[in-house]
Amino acid sequence: MNIKIIRLVTGEDVIGNITSEDNKFVEISKSFVIIPTQSAPGQPVKLMLTPYMPYSKDDKVKISADKIITTIEPKDEILKSYQQNTSSIVTSPGLITESKLPKLD
């Protein structure tokens, strides 16, 4: 796996597995946006991972190379959190899934 964090020109930090890249596009699978949160001033900043483009049928997202500012290796604790979020081994019968959500007409 080639897990990287990319910073987009929009300011978003996206973490995912880079499956291919060329001069025009970078393709990322299992992509998440990293969102810093702080419960109150002076409190430590926590990082939250939320799916990037969660309404797509595809597991992969192509991002224009000219929209990427930089690409970096994630810190170990961020990589571990990402791997936990993308692991298919962990399942729980009590969780709400997309298939259980009401349909919008």
C-alpha atoms as a PDB file:
ATOM      1  CA  MET A   1       0.000   0.000   0.000  1.00  0.00           C
ATOM      2  CA  ASN A   2       1.051   3.547  -0.728  1.00  0.00           C
ATOM      3  CA  ILE A   3      -0.719   5.555   1.996  1.00  0.00           C
ATOM      4  CA  LYS A   4      -0.096   9.314   1.673  1.00  0.00           C
ATOM      5  CA  ILE A   5      -1.621  12.595   2.803  1.00  0.00           C
ATOM      6  CA  ILE A   6      -2.197  15.117   0.048  1.00  0.00           C
ATOM      7  CA  ARG A   7      -2.997  18.791   0.586  1.00  0.00           C
ATOM      8  CA  LEU A   8      -5.381  20.190  -2.001  1.00  0.00           C
ATOM      9  CA  VAL A   9      -5.573  23.808  -3.167  1.00  0.00           C
ATOM     10  CA  THR A  10      -8.926  23.956  -1.315  1.00  0.00           C
ATOM     11  CA  GLY A  11      -7.049  23.435   1.977  1.00  0.00           C
ATOM     12  CA  GLU A  12      -8.343  19.899   2.498  1.00  0.00           C
ATOM     13  CA  ASP A  13      -5.944  17.223   3.697  1.00  0.00           C
ATOM     14  CA  VAL A  14      -6.873  13.873   2.155  1.00  0.00           C
ATOM     15  CA  ILE A  15      -5.368  10.572   3.266  1.00  0.00           C
ATOM     16  CA  GLY A  16      -5.627   7.454   1.161  1.00  0.00           C
ATOM     17  CA  ASN A  17      -3.926   4.734  -0.810  1.00  0.00           C
ATOM     18  CA  ILE A  18      -2.429   6.213  -3.977  1.00  0.00           C
ATOM     19  CA  THR A  19      -3.063   3.554  -6.597  1.00  0.00           C
ATOM     20  CA  SER A  20      -1.760   5.460  -9.626  1.00  0.00           C
ATOM     21  CA  GLU A  21      -0.414   8.853 -10.574  1.00  0.00           C
ATOM     22  CA  ASP A  22       0.812  10.673 -13.646  1.00  0.00           C
ATOM     23  CA  ASN A  23       1.228  14.297 -14.767  1.00  0.00           C
ATOM     24  CA  LYS A  24      -2.549  14.805 -14.996  1.00  0.00           C
ATOM     25  CA  PHE A  25      -4.216  12.768 -12.226  1.00  0.00           C
ATOM     26  CA  VAL A  26      -3.619  11.056  -8.894  1.00  0.00           C
ATOM     27  CA  GLU A  27      -5.941   8.154  -8.156  1.00  0.00           C
ATOM     28  CA  ILE A  28      -6.674   7.426  -4.499  1.00  0.00           C
ATOM     29  CA  SER A  29      -8.619   4.537  -2.986  1.00  0.00           C
ATOM     30  CA  LYS A  30     -10.247   4.539   0.469  1.00  0.00           C
ATOM     31  CA  SER A  31      -9.817   8.293   0.798  1.00  0.00           C
ATOM     32  CA  PHE A  32     -10.622  10.252   3.949  1.00  0.00           C
ATOM     33  CA  VAL A  33     -10.473  13.953   4.798  1.00  0.00           C
ATOM     34  CA  ILE A  34      -8.528  14.825   7.948  1.00  0.00           C
ATOM     35  CA  ILE A  35     -10.451  17.411   9.983  1.00  0.00           C
ATOM     36  CA  PRO A  36      -8.813  19.073  13.008  1.00  0.00           C
ATOM     37  CA  THR A  37     -11.264  19.701  15.873  1.00  0.00           C
ATOM     38  CA  GLN A  38     -10.926  21.477  19.212  1.00  0.00           C
ATOM     39  CA  SER A  39     -13.584  21.177  21.933  1.00  0.00           C
ATOM     40  CA  ALA A  40     -12.692  24.533  23.546  1.00  0.00           C
ATOM     41  CA  PRO A  41      -9.969  27.181  23.345  1.00  0.00           C
ATOM     42  CA  GLY A  42      -6.813  25.932  25.004  1.00  0.00           C
ATOM     43  CA  GLN A  43      -7.839  22.287  24.635  1.00  0.00           C
ATOM     44  CA  PRO A  44      -5.747  19.917  22.517  1.00  0.00           C
ATOM     45  CA  VAL A  45      -6.572  19.643  18.836  1.00  0.00           C
ATOM     46  CA  LYS A  46      -7.906  16.232  17.809  1.00  0.00           C
ATOM     47  CA  LEU A  47      -7.989  14.849  14.300  1.00  0.00           C
ATOM     48  CA  MET A  48     -11.137  13.313  12.846  1.00  0.00           C
ATOM     49  CA  LEU A  49     -11.265  11.194   9.692  1.00  0.00           C
ATOM     50  CA  THR A  50     -14.350  11.404   7.514  1.00  0.00           C
ATOM     51  CA  PRO A  51     -14.848   9.742   4.120  1.00  0.00           C
ATOM     52  CA  TYR A  52     -13.927  11.873   1.121  1.00  0.00           C
ATOM     53  CA  MET A  53     -16.696  11.786  -1.519  1.00  0.00           C
ATOM     54  CA  PRO A  54     -18.799   9.293   0.496  1.00  0.00           C
ATOM     55  CA  TYR A  55     -21.715   9.252  -1.981  1.00  0.00           C
ATOM     56  CA  SER A  56     -19.726   7.840  -4.882  1.00  0.00           C
ATOM     57  CA  LYS A  57     -20.236   4.270  -6.105  1.00  0.00           C
ATOM     58  CA  ASP A  58     -16.511   3.956  -6.692  1.00  0.00           C
ATOM     59  CA  ASP A  59     -13.890   3.213  -4.090  1.00  0.00           C
ATOM     60  CA  LYS A  60     -11.384   5.319  -6.046  1.00  0.00           C
ATOM     61  CA  VAL A  61     -11.229   9.077  -6.628  1.00  0.00           C
ATOM     62  CA  LYS A  62      -9.204  10.793  -9.347  1.00  0.00           C
ATOM     63  CA  ILE A  63      -7.824  14.189  -8.367  1.00  0.00           C
ATOM     64  CA  SER A  64      -6.295  16.581 -10.880  1.00  0.00           C
ATOM     65  CA  ALA A  65      -2.556  16.805 -10.254  1.00  0.00           C
ATOM     66  CA  ASP A  66      -2.707  20.601 -10.609  1.00  0.00           C
ATOM     67  CA  LYS A  67      -5.047  20.743  -7.566  1.00  0.00           C
ATOM     68  CA  ILE A  68      -2.463  19.125  -5.271  1.00  0.00           C
ATOM     69  CA  ILE A  69      -0.093  21.364  -3.320  1.00  0.00           C
ATOM     70  CA  THR A  70       1.976  18.667  -1.631  1.00  0.00           C
ATOM     71  CA  THR A  71       2.127  14.956  -0.803  1.00  0.00           C
ATOM     72  CA  ILE A  72       3.543  13.655   2.487  1.00  0.00           C
ATOM     73  CA  GLU A  73       3.973  10.473   4.528  1.00  0.00           C
ATOM     74  CA  PRO A  74       1.487  10.340   7.450  1.00  0.00           C
ATOM     75  CA  LYS A  75       2.685  10.224  11.060  1.00  0.00           C
ATOM     76  CA  ASP A  76       2.473   6.745  12.608  1.00  0.00           C
ATOM     77  CA  GLU A  77      -0.557   7.559  14.794  1.00  0.00           C
ATOM     78  CA  ILE A  78      -2.489   9.003  11.822  1.00  0.00           C
ATOM     79  CA  LEU A  79      -1.592   5.979   9.685  1.00  0.00           C
ATOM     80  CA  LYS A  80      -2.775   3.626  12.461  1.00  0.00           C
ATOM     81  CA  SER A  81      -6.094   5.482  12.756  1.00  0.00           C
ATOM     82  CA  TYR A  82      -6.534   5.380   8.975  1.00  0.00           C
ATOM     83  CA  GLN A  83      -5.837   1.642   8.900  1.00  0.00           C
ATOM     84  CA  GLN A  84      -8.401   1.055  11.663  1.00  0.00           C
ATOM     85  CA  ASN A  85     -11.007   3.086   9.724  1.00  0.00           C
ATOM     86  CA  THR A  86     -10.402   1.200   6.480  1.00  0.00           C
ATOM     87  CA  SER A  87     -10.034  -2.299   7.907  1.00  0.00           C
ATOM     88  CA  SER A  88     -12.725  -4.699   6.726  1.00  0.00           C
ATOM     89  CA  ILE A  89     -11.975  -7.094   9.584  1.00  0.00           C
ATOM     90  CA  VAL A  90     -13.799  -5.084  12.283  1.00  0.00           C
ATOM     91  CA  THR A  91     -17.580  -5.486  12.119  1.00  0.00           C
ATOM     92  CA  SER A  92     -20.285  -4.797  14.665  1.00  0.00           C
ATOM     93  CA  PRO A  93     -23.912  -5.926  14.339  1.00  0.00           C
ATOM     94  CA  GLY A  94     -25.324  -2.838  16.093  1.00  0.00           C
ATOM     95  CA  LEU A  95     -23.977  -0.171  13.751  1.00  0.00           C
ATOM     96  CA  ILE A  96     -26.171   1.801  11.355  1.00  0.00           C
ATOM     97  CA  THR A  97     -25.093   1.254   7.776  1.00  0.00           C
ATOM     98  CA  GLU A  98     -26.102   2.925   4.508  1.00  0.00           C
ATOM     99  CA  SER A  99     -28.434   0.045   3.694  1.00  0.00           C
ATOM    100  CA  LYS A 100     -30.422   0.735   6.899  1.00  0.00           C
ATOM    101  CA  LEU A 101     -30.976   4.426   6.174  1.00  0.00           C
ATOM    102  CA  PRO A 102     -34.408   5.510   4.946  1.00  0.00           C
ATOM    103  CA  LYS A 103     -34.746   6.047   1.202  1.00  0.00           C
ATOM    104  CA  LEU A 104     -35.330   9.566  -0.059  1.00  0.00           C
ATOM    105  CA  ASP A 105     -37.955   9.856  -2.795  1.00  0.00           C
END
